[in-house]
Amino acid sequence: LMRPSKSCADMELKSLKKKYKDKRFAAGCD
């Protein structure tokens, strides 16, 4: 939802891992 495309179709592991490491991002996801 944060991507311009609003899709995971063009998402790469590297960018997703940055989000994963940021504990404030999607904080409800344990």
Full PDB file with SEQRES, HELIX, SHEET, SSBOND, CRYST1, ORIGX, SCALE, CONECT and MASTER records, all heavy atoms in Angstrom:
SEQRES   1 A   30  LEU MET ARG PRO SER LYS SER CYS ALA ASP MET GLU LEU          
SEQRES   2 A   30  LYS SER LEU LYS LYS LYS TYR LYS ASP LYS ARG PHE ALA          
SEQRES   3 A   30  ALA GLY CYS ASP                                              
HELIX    1 AA1 LEU A   13  LYS A   21  1                                   9    
CRYST1    1.000    1.000    1.000  90.00  90.00  90.00 P 1           1          
ORIGX1      1.000000  0.000000  0.000000        0.00000                         
ORIGX2      0.000000  1.000000  0.000000        0.00000                         
ORIGX3      0.000000  0.000000  1.000000        0.00000                         
SCALE1      1.000000  0.000000  0.000000        0.00000                         
SCALE2      0.000000  1.000000  0.000000        0.00000                         
SCALE3      0.000000  0.000000  1.000000        0.00000                         
ATOM      1  N   LEU A   1       0.814  -1.220   0.000  1.00  0.00           N  
ATOM      2  CA  LEU A   1       0.000   0.000   0.000  1.00  0.00           C  
ATOM      3  C   LEU A   1       0.846   1.268   0.000  1.00  0.00           C  
ATOM      4  O   LEU A   1       0.370   2.329  -0.407  1.00  0.00           O  
ATOM      5  CB  LEU A   1      -0.950   0.011   1.197  1.00  0.00           C  
ATOM      6  CG  LEU A   1      -2.065  -1.039   1.160  1.00  0.00           C  
ATOM      7  CD1 LEU A   1      -2.865  -0.998   2.456  1.00  0.00           C  
ATOM      8  CD2 LEU A   1      -2.963  -0.845  -0.056  1.00  0.00           C  
ATOM      9  N   MET A   2       2.093   1.158   0.423  1.00  0.00           N  
ATOM     10  CA  MET A   2       3.003   2.305   0.455  1.00  0.00           C  
ATOM     11  C   MET A   2       3.667   2.552  -0.904  1.00  0.00           C  
ATOM     12  O   MET A   2       4.301   3.571  -1.111  1.00  0.00           O  
ATOM     13  CB  MET A   2       4.091   2.085   1.509  1.00  0.00           C  
ATOM     14  CG  MET A   2       3.589   1.867   2.912  1.00  0.00           C  
ATOM     15  SD  MET A   2       2.715   3.278   3.586  1.00  0.00           S  
ATOM     16  CE  MET A   2       4.037   4.442   3.715  1.00  0.00           C  
ATOM     17  N   ARG A   3       3.530   1.609  -1.809  1.00  0.00           N  
ATOM     18  CA  ARG A   3       4.180   1.700  -3.121  1.00  0.00           C  
ATOM     19  C   ARG A   3       3.308   2.489  -4.088  1.00  0.00           C  
ATOM     20  O   ARG A   3       2.089   2.468  -3.979  1.00  0.00           O  
ATOM     21  CB  ARG A   3       4.442   0.296  -3.663  1.00  0.00           C  
ATOM     22  CG  ARG A   3       5.347  -0.528  -2.738  1.00  0.00           C  
ATOM     23  CD  ARG A   3       5.595  -1.905  -3.276  1.00  0.00           C  
ATOM     24  NE  ARG A   3       6.428  -1.879  -4.468  1.00  0.00           N  
ATOM     25  CZ  ARG A   3       7.735  -1.665  -4.478  1.00  0.00           C  
ATOM     26  NH1 ARG A   3       8.372  -1.441  -3.346  1.00  0.00           N  
ATOM     27  NH2 ARG A   3       8.419  -1.678  -5.603  1.00  0.00           N  
ATOM     28  N   PRO A   4       3.909   3.168  -5.056  1.00  0.00           N  
ATOM     29  CA  PRO A   4       3.108   3.880  -6.062  1.00  0.00           C  
ATOM     30  C   PRO A   4       2.128   2.955  -6.786  1.00  0.00           C  
ATOM     31  O   PRO A   4       1.009   3.348  -7.097  1.00  0.00           O  
ATOM     32  CB  PRO A   4       4.155   4.429  -7.036  1.00  0.00           C  
ATOM     33  CG  PRO A   4       5.408   4.531  -6.214  1.00  0.00           C  
ATOM     34  CD  PRO A   4       5.343   3.396  -5.226  1.00  0.00           C  
ATOM     35  N   SER A   5       2.526   1.705  -6.989  1.00  0.00           N  
ATOM     36  CA  SER A   5       1.676   0.749  -7.698  1.00  0.00           C  
ATOM     37  C   SER A   5       0.557   0.191  -6.816  1.00  0.00           C  
ATOM     38  O   SER A   5      -0.378  -0.425  -7.313  1.00  0.00           O  
ATOM     39  CB  SER A   5       2.515  -0.416  -8.217  1.00  0.00           C  
ATOM     40  OG  SER A   5       3.033  -1.164  -7.126  1.00  0.00           O  
ATOM     41  N   LYS A   6       0.685   0.363  -5.483  1.00  0.00           N  
ATOM     42  CA  LYS A   6      -0.246  -0.214  -4.497  1.00  0.00           C  
ATOM     43  C   LYS A   6      -0.308  -1.733  -4.621  1.00  0.00           C  
ATOM     44  O   LYS A   6      -1.327  -2.352  -4.335  1.00  0.00           O  
ATOM     45  CB  LYS A   6      -1.655   0.370  -4.648  1.00  0.00           C  
ATOM     46  CG  LYS A   6      -1.750   1.870  -4.535  1.00  0.00           C  
ATOM     47  CD  LYS A   6      -1.514   2.319  -3.117  1.00  0.00           C  
ATOM     48  CE  LYS A   6      -1.794   3.815  -3.002  1.00  0.00           C  
ATOM     49  NZ  LYS A   6      -0.840   4.485  -2.167  1.00  0.00           N  
ATOM     50  N   SER A   7       0.783  -2.331  -5.054  1.00  0.00           N  
ATOM     51  CA  SER A   7       0.837  -3.768  -5.303  1.00  0.00           C  
ATOM     52  C   SER A   7       2.180  -4.330  -4.850  1.00  0.00           C  
ATOM     53  O   SER A   7       3.180  -3.618  -4.801  1.00  0.00           O  
ATOM     54  CB  SER A   7       0.651  -4.018  -6.806  1.00  0.00           C  
ATOM     55  OG  SER A   7       0.865  -5.375  -7.117  1.00  0.00           O  
ATOM     56  N   CYS A   8       2.174  -5.623  -4.579  1.00  0.00           N  
ATOM     57  CA  CYS A   8       3.438  -6.295  -4.273  1.00  0.00           C  
ATOM     58  C   CYS A   8       4.057  -6.879  -5.532  1.00  0.00           C  
ATOM     59  O   CYS A   8       5.161  -7.412  -5.483  1.00  0.00           O  
ATOM     60  CB  CYS A   8       3.237  -7.377  -3.213  1.00  0.00           C  
ATOM     61  SG  CYS A   8       2.237  -8.767  -3.749  1.00  0.00           S  
ATOM     62  N   ALA A   9       3.379  -6.743  -6.667  1.00  0.00           N  
ATOM     63  CA  ALA A   9       3.851  -7.351  -7.914  1.00  0.00           C  
ATOM     64  C   ALA A   9       5.244  -6.862  -8.306  1.00  0.00           C  
ATOM     65  O   ALA A   9       6.030  -7.619  -8.875  1.00  0.00           O  
ATOM     66  CB  ALA A   9       2.867  -7.085  -9.051  1.00  0.00           C  
ATOM     67  N   ASP A  10       5.557  -5.621  -7.983  1.00  0.00           N  
ATOM     68  CA  ASP A  10       6.858  -5.058  -8.344  1.00  0.00           C  
ATOM     69  C   ASP A  10       7.786  -4.900  -7.131  1.00  0.00           C  
ATOM     70  O   ASP A  10       8.787  -4.211  -7.199  1.00  0.00           O  
ATOM     71  CB  ASP A  10       6.671  -3.712  -9.058  1.00  0.00           C  
ATOM     72  CG  ASP A  10       5.905  -2.698  -8.220  1.00  0.00           C  
ATOM     73  OD1 ASP A  10       5.339  -3.067  -7.158  1.00  0.00           O  
ATOM     74  OD2 ASP A  10       5.854  -1.526  -8.632  1.00  0.00           O  
ATOM     75  N   MET A  11       7.452  -5.551  -6.036  1.00  0.00           N  
ATOM     76  CA  MET A  11       8.228  -5.446  -4.804  1.00  0.00           C  
ATOM     77  C   MET A  11       9.402  -6.417  -4.822  1.00  0.00           C  
ATOM     78  O   MET A  11       9.284  -7.529  -5.327  1.00  0.00           O  
ATOM     79  CB  MET A  11       7.313  -5.754  -3.609  1.00  0.00           C  
ATOM     80  CG  MET A  11       7.917  -5.447  -2.258  1.00  0.00           C  
ATOM     81  SD  MET A  11       6.776  -5.856  -0.902  1.00  0.00           S  
ATOM     82  CE  MET A  11       5.407  -4.765  -1.239  1.00  0.00           C  
ATOM     83  N   GLU A  12      10.514  -5.985  -4.281  1.00  0.00           N  
ATOM     84  CA  GLU A  12      11.704  -6.821  -4.176  1.00  0.00           C  
ATOM     85  C   GLU A  12      11.990  -7.114  -2.702  1.00  0.00           C  
ATOM     86  O   GLU A  12      11.634  -6.333  -1.828  1.00  0.00           O  
ATOM     87  CB  GLU A  12      12.900  -6.123  -4.819  1.00  0.00           C  
ATOM     88  CG  GLU A  12      12.751  -5.861  -6.310  1.00  0.00           C  
ATOM     89  CD  GLU A  12      12.638  -7.133  -7.136  1.00  0.00           C  
ATOM     90  OE1 GLU A  12      13.251  -8.149  -6.750  1.00  0.00           O  
ATOM     91  OE2 GLU A  12      11.922  -7.110  -8.162  1.00  0.00           O  
ATOM     92  N   LEU A  13      12.671  -8.209  -2.474  1.00  0.00           N  
ATOM     93  CA  LEU A  13      13.007  -8.629  -1.115  1.00  0.00           C  
ATOM     94  C   LEU A  13      13.744  -7.532  -0.354  1.00  0.00           C  
ATOM     95  O   LEU A  13      13.440  -7.269   0.815  1.00  0.00           O  
ATOM     96  CB  LEU A  13      13.848  -9.914  -1.152  1.00  0.00           C  
ATOM     97  CG  LEU A  13      14.303 -10.458   0.197  1.00  0.00           C  
ATOM     98  CD1 LEU A  13      13.112 -10.857   1.056  1.00  0.00           C  
ATOM     99  CD2 LEU A  13      15.240 -11.651  -0.004  1.00  0.00           C  
ATOM    100  N   LYS A  14      14.682  -6.879  -0.991  1.00  0.00           N  
ATOM    101  CA  LYS A  14      15.500  -5.859  -0.329  1.00  0.00           C  
ATOM    102  C   LYS A  14      14.640  -4.740   0.253  1.00  0.00           C  
ATOM    103  O   LYS A  14      14.828  -4.348   1.411  1.00  0.00           O  
ATOM    104  CB  LYS A  14      16.522  -5.284  -1.321  1.00  0.00           C  
ATOM    105  CG  LYS A  14      17.485  -4.295  -0.713  1.00  0.00           C  
ATOM    106  CD  LYS A  14      18.500  -3.827  -1.740  1.00  0.00           C  
ATOM    107  CE  LYS A  14      19.434  -2.792  -1.132  1.00  0.00           C  
ATOM    108  NZ  LYS A  14      20.440  -2.338  -2.093  1.00  0.00           N  
ATOM    109  N   SER A  15      13.690  -4.233  -0.505  1.00  0.00           N  
ATOM    110  CA  SER A  15      12.847  -3.145   0.002  1.00  0.00           C  
ATOM    111  C   SER A  15      11.897  -3.660   1.088  1.00  0.00           C  
ATOM    112  O   SER A  15      11.613  -2.954   2.056  1.00  0.00           O  
ATOM    113  CB  SER A  15      12.068  -2.477  -1.130  1.00  0.00           C  
ATOM    114  OG  SER A  15      11.163  -3.374  -1.730  1.00  0.00           O  
ATOM    115  N   LEU A  16      11.433  -4.888   0.940  1.00  0.00           N  
ATOM    116  CA  LEU A  16      10.550  -5.459   1.954  1.00  0.00           C  
ATOM    117  C   LEU A  16      11.295  -5.669   3.269  1.00  0.00           C  
ATOM    118  O   LEU A  16      10.755  -5.410   4.345  1.00  0.00           O  
ATOM    119  CB  LEU A  16       9.959  -6.776   1.448  1.00  0.00           C  
ATOM    120  CG  LEU A  16       8.964  -7.464   2.366  1.00  0.00           C  
ATOM    121  CD1 LEU A  16       7.805  -6.540   2.726  1.00  0.00           C  
ATOM    122  CD2 LEU A  16       8.446  -8.737   1.718  1.00  0.00           C  
ATOM    123  N   LYS A  17      12.546  -6.092   3.194  1.00  0.00           N  
ATOM    124  CA  LYS A  17      13.333  -6.296   4.405  1.00  0.00           C  
ATOM    125  C   LYS A  17      13.549  -4.978   5.161  1.00  0.00           C  
ATOM    126  O   LYS A  17      13.580  -4.969   6.393  1.00  0.00           O  
ATOM    127  CB  LYS A  17      14.671  -6.955   4.069  1.00  0.00           C  
ATOM    128  CG  LYS A  17      14.524  -8.450   3.806  1.00  0.00           C  
ATOM    129  CD  LYS A  17      15.812  -9.104   3.409  1.00  0.00           C  
ATOM    130  CE  LYS A  17      16.888  -8.920   4.445  1.00  0.00           C  
ATOM    131  NZ  LYS A  17      18.143  -9.618   4.115  1.00  0.00           N  
ATOM    132  N   LYS A  18      13.669  -3.863   4.440  1.00  0.00           N  
ATOM    133  CA  LYS A  18      13.795  -2.562   5.107  1.00  0.00           C  
ATOM    134  C   LYS A  18      12.546  -2.276   5.929  1.00  0.00           C  
ATOM    135  O   LYS A  18      12.632  -1.797   7.064  1.00  0.00           O  
ATOM    136  CB  LYS A  18      14.019  -1.447   4.087  1.00  0.00           C  
ATOM    137  CG  LYS A  18      15.410  -1.410   3.516  1.00  0.00           C  
ATOM    138  CD  LYS A  18      15.555  -0.250   2.552  1.00  0.00           C  
ATOM    139  CE  LYS A  18      16.891  -0.287   1.850  1.00  0.00           C  
ATOM    140  NZ  LYS A  18      17.019   0.772   0.845  1.00  0.00           N  
ATOM    141  N   LYS A  19      11.399  -2.551   5.348  1.00  0.00           N  
ATOM    142  CA  LYS A  19      10.133  -2.351   6.064  1.00  0.00           C  
ATOM    143  C   LYS A  19      10.051  -3.296   7.261  1.00  0.00           C  
ATOM    144  O   LYS A  19       9.603  -2.914   8.338  1.00  0.00           O  
ATOM    145  CB  LYS A  19       8.938  -2.577   5.138  1.00  0.00           C  
ATOM    146  CG  LYS A  19       8.847  -1.606   3.984  1.00  0.00           C  
ATOM    147  CD  LYS A  19       8.455  -0.239   4.460  1.00  0.00           C  
ATOM    148  CE  LYS A  19       8.180   0.681   3.295  1.00  0.00           C  
ATOM    149  NZ  LYS A  19       8.056   2.058   3.703  1.00  0.00           N  
ATOM    150  N   TYR A  20      10.465  -4.527   7.062  1.00  0.00           N  
ATOM    151  CA  TYR A  20      10.425  -5.539   8.116  1.00  0.00           C  
ATOM    152  C   TYR A  20      11.275  -5.103   9.316  1.00  0.00           C  
ATOM    153  O   TYR A  20      10.873  -5.264  10.467  1.00  0.00           O  
ATOM    154  CB  TYR A  20      10.923  -6.877   7.568  1.00  0.00           C  
ATOM    155  CG  TYR A  20      10.923  -8.007   8.582  1.00  0.00           C  
ATOM    156  CD1 TYR A  20       9.809  -8.808   8.743  1.00  0.00           C  
ATOM    157  CD2 TYR A  20      12.051  -8.261   9.365  1.00  0.00           C  
ATOM    158  CE1 TYR A  20       9.799  -9.837   9.678  1.00  0.00           C  
ATOM    159  CE2 TYR A  20      12.049  -9.290  10.296  1.00  0.00           C  
ATOM    160  CZ  TYR A  20      10.925 -10.072  10.444  1.00  0.00           C  
ATOM    161  OH  TYR A  20      10.928 -11.080  11.376  1.00  0.00           O  
ATOM    162  N   LYS A  21      12.446  -4.548   9.036  1.00  0.00           N  
ATOM    163  CA  LYS A  21      13.368  -4.152  10.111  1.00  0.00           C  
ATOM    164  C   LYS A  21      12.896  -2.914  10.871  1.00  0.00           C  
ATOM    165  O   LYS A  21      13.298  -2.696  12.010  1.00  0.00           O  
ATOM    166  CB  LYS A  21      14.766  -3.921   9.546  1.00  0.00           C  
ATOM    167  CG  LYS A  21      15.437  -5.212   9.124  1.00  0.00           C  
ATOM    168  CD  LYS A  21      16.783  -4.970   8.486  1.00  0.00           C  
ATOM    169  CE  LYS A  21      17.397  -6.274   8.012  1.00  0.00           C  
ATOM    170  NZ  LYS A  21      18.651  -6.087   7.309  1.00  0.00           N  
ATOM    171  N   ASP A  22      12.037  -2.111  10.255  1.00  0.00           N  
ATOM    172  CA  ASP A  22      11.496  -0.914  10.902  1.00  0.00           C  
ATOM    173  C   ASP A  22      10.312  -1.321  11.766  1.00  0.00           C  
ATOM    174  O   ASP A  22       9.212  -1.539  11.284  1.00  0.00           O  
ATOM    175  CB  ASP A  22      11.065   0.101   9.839  1.00  0.00           C  
ATOM    176  CG  ASP A  22      10.484   1.375  10.427  1.00  0.00           C  
ATOM    177  OD1 ASP A  22      10.333   1.467  11.668  1.00  0.00           O  
ATOM    178  OD2 ASP A  22      10.154   2.277   9.640  1.00  0.00           O  
ATOM    179  N   LYS A  23      10.541  -1.436  13.075  1.00  0.00           N  
ATOM    180  CA  LYS A  23       9.514  -1.919  14.008  1.00  0.00           C  
ATOM    181  C   LYS A  23       8.279  -1.012  14.064  1.00  0.00           C  
ATOM    182  O   LYS A  23       7.208  -1.443  14.473  1.00  0.00           O  
ATOM    183  CB  LYS A  23      10.096  -2.069  15.413  1.00  0.00           C  
ATOM    184  CG  LYS A  23      11.314  -2.949  15.491  1.00  0.00           C  
ATOM    185  CD  LYS A  23      10.999  -4.402  15.249  1.00  0.00           C  
ATOM    186  CE  LYS A  23      12.210  -5.251  15.534  1.00  0.00           C  
ATOM    187  NZ  LYS A  23      12.528  -6.200  14.537  1.00  0.00           N  
ATOM    188  N   ARG A  24       8.435   0.230  13.636  1.00  0.00           N  
ATOM    189  CA  ARG A  24       7.290   1.149  13.629  1.00  0.00           C  
ATOM    190  C   ARG A  24       6.374   0.884  12.439  1.00  0.00           C  
ATOM    191  O   ARG A  24       5.195   1.197  12.483  1.00  0.00           O  
ATOM    192  CB  ARG A  24       7.756   2.602  13.614  1.00  0.00           C  
ATOM    193  CG  ARG A  24       8.515   2.988  14.894  1.00  0.00           C  
ATOM    194  CD  ARG A  24       9.197   4.318  14.748  1.00  0.00           C  
ATOM    195  NE  ARG A  24      10.201   4.170  13.687  1.00  0.00           N  
ATOM    196  CZ  ARG A  24      10.734   5.168  13.007  1.00  0.00           C  
ATOM    197  NH1 ARG A  24      10.391   6.395  13.270  1.00  0.00           N  
ATOM    198  NH2 ARG A  24      11.638   4.949  12.059  1.00  0.00           N  
ATOM    199  N   PHE A  25       6.937   0.311  11.382  1.00  0.00           N  
ATOM    200  CA  PHE A  25       6.133   0.017  10.199  1.00  0.00           C  
ATOM    201  C   PHE A  25       5.300  -1.238  10.441  1.00  0.00           C  
ATOM    202  O   PHE A  25       5.828  -2.262  10.867  1.00  0.00           O  
ATOM    203  CB  PHE A  25       7.013  -0.183   8.957  1.00  0.00           C  
ATOM    204  CG  PHE A  25       6.203  -0.513   7.738  1.00  0.00           C  
ATOM    205  CD1 PHE A  25       5.547   0.487   7.049  1.00  0.00           C  
ATOM    206  CD2 PHE A  25       6.050  -1.813   7.320  1.00  0.00           C  
ATOM    207  CE1 PHE A  25       4.757   0.196   5.954  1.00  0.00           C  
ATOM    208  CE2 PHE A  25       5.279  -2.122   6.226  1.00  0.00           C  
ATOM    209  CZ  PHE A  25       4.622  -1.120   5.536  1.00  0.00           C  
ATOM    210  N   ALA A  26       3.994  -1.146  10.176  1.00  0.00           N  
ATOM    211  CA  ALA A  26       3.081  -2.277  10.391  1.00  0.00           C  
ATOM    212  C   ALA A  26       3.358  -2.896  11.758  1.00  0.00           C  
ATOM    213  O   ALA A  26       3.598  -4.092  11.888  1.00  0.00           O  
ATOM    214  CB  ALA A  26       3.205  -3.292   9.268  1.00  0.00           C  
ATOM    215  N   ALA A  27       3.322  -2.041  12.767  1.00  0.00           N  
ATOM    216  CA  ALA A  27       3.695  -2.441  14.121  1.00  0.00           C  
ATOM    217  C   ALA A  27       2.843  -3.596  14.651  1.00  0.00           C  
ATOM    218  O   ALA A  27       3.284  -4.347  15.519  1.00  0.00           O  
ATOM    219  CB  ALA A  27       3.606  -1.247  15.065  1.00  0.00           C  
ATOM    220  N   GLY A  28       1.645  -3.777  14.127  1.00  0.00           N  
ATOM    221  CA  GLY A  28       0.778  -4.860  14.567  1.00  0.00           C  
ATOM    222  C   GLY A  28       1.189  -6.227  14.047  1.00  0.00           C  
ATOM    223  O   GLY A  28       0.665  -7.245  14.493  1.00  0.00           O  
ATOM    224  N   CYS A  29       2.120  -6.254  13.117  1.00  0.00           N  
ATOM    225  CA  CYS A  29       2.608  -7.528  12.562  1.00  0.00           C  
ATOM    226  C   CYS A  29       3.780  -8.000  13.409  1.00  0.00           C  
ATOM    227  O   CYS A  29       4.837  -7.380  13.422  1.00  0.00           O  
ATOM    228  CB  CYS A  29       3.030  -7.357  11.097  1.00  0.00           C  
ATOM    229  SG  CYS A  29       1.651  -6.930  10.026  1.00  0.00           S  
ATOM    230  N   ASP A  30       3.565  -9.070  14.125  1.00  0.00           N  
ATOM    231  CA  ASP A  30       4.518  -9.567  15.111  1.00  0.00           C  
ATOM    232  C   ASP A  30       5.723 -10.234  14.440  1.00  0.00           C  
ATOM    233  O   ASP A  30       5.628 -11.345  13.924  1.00  0.00           O  
ATOM    234  CB  ASP A  30       3.812 -10.544  16.036  1.00  0.00           C  
ATOM    235  CG  ASP A  30       4.604 -10.894  17.269  1.00  0.00           C  
ATOM    236  OD1 ASP A  30       5.844 -10.879  17.209  1.00  0.00           O  
ATOM    237  OD2 ASP A  30       3.976 -11.187  18.305  1.00  0.00           O  
TER     238      ASP A  30                                                      
MASTER        0    0    0    1    0    0    0    6  237    1    0    3          
END                                                                             
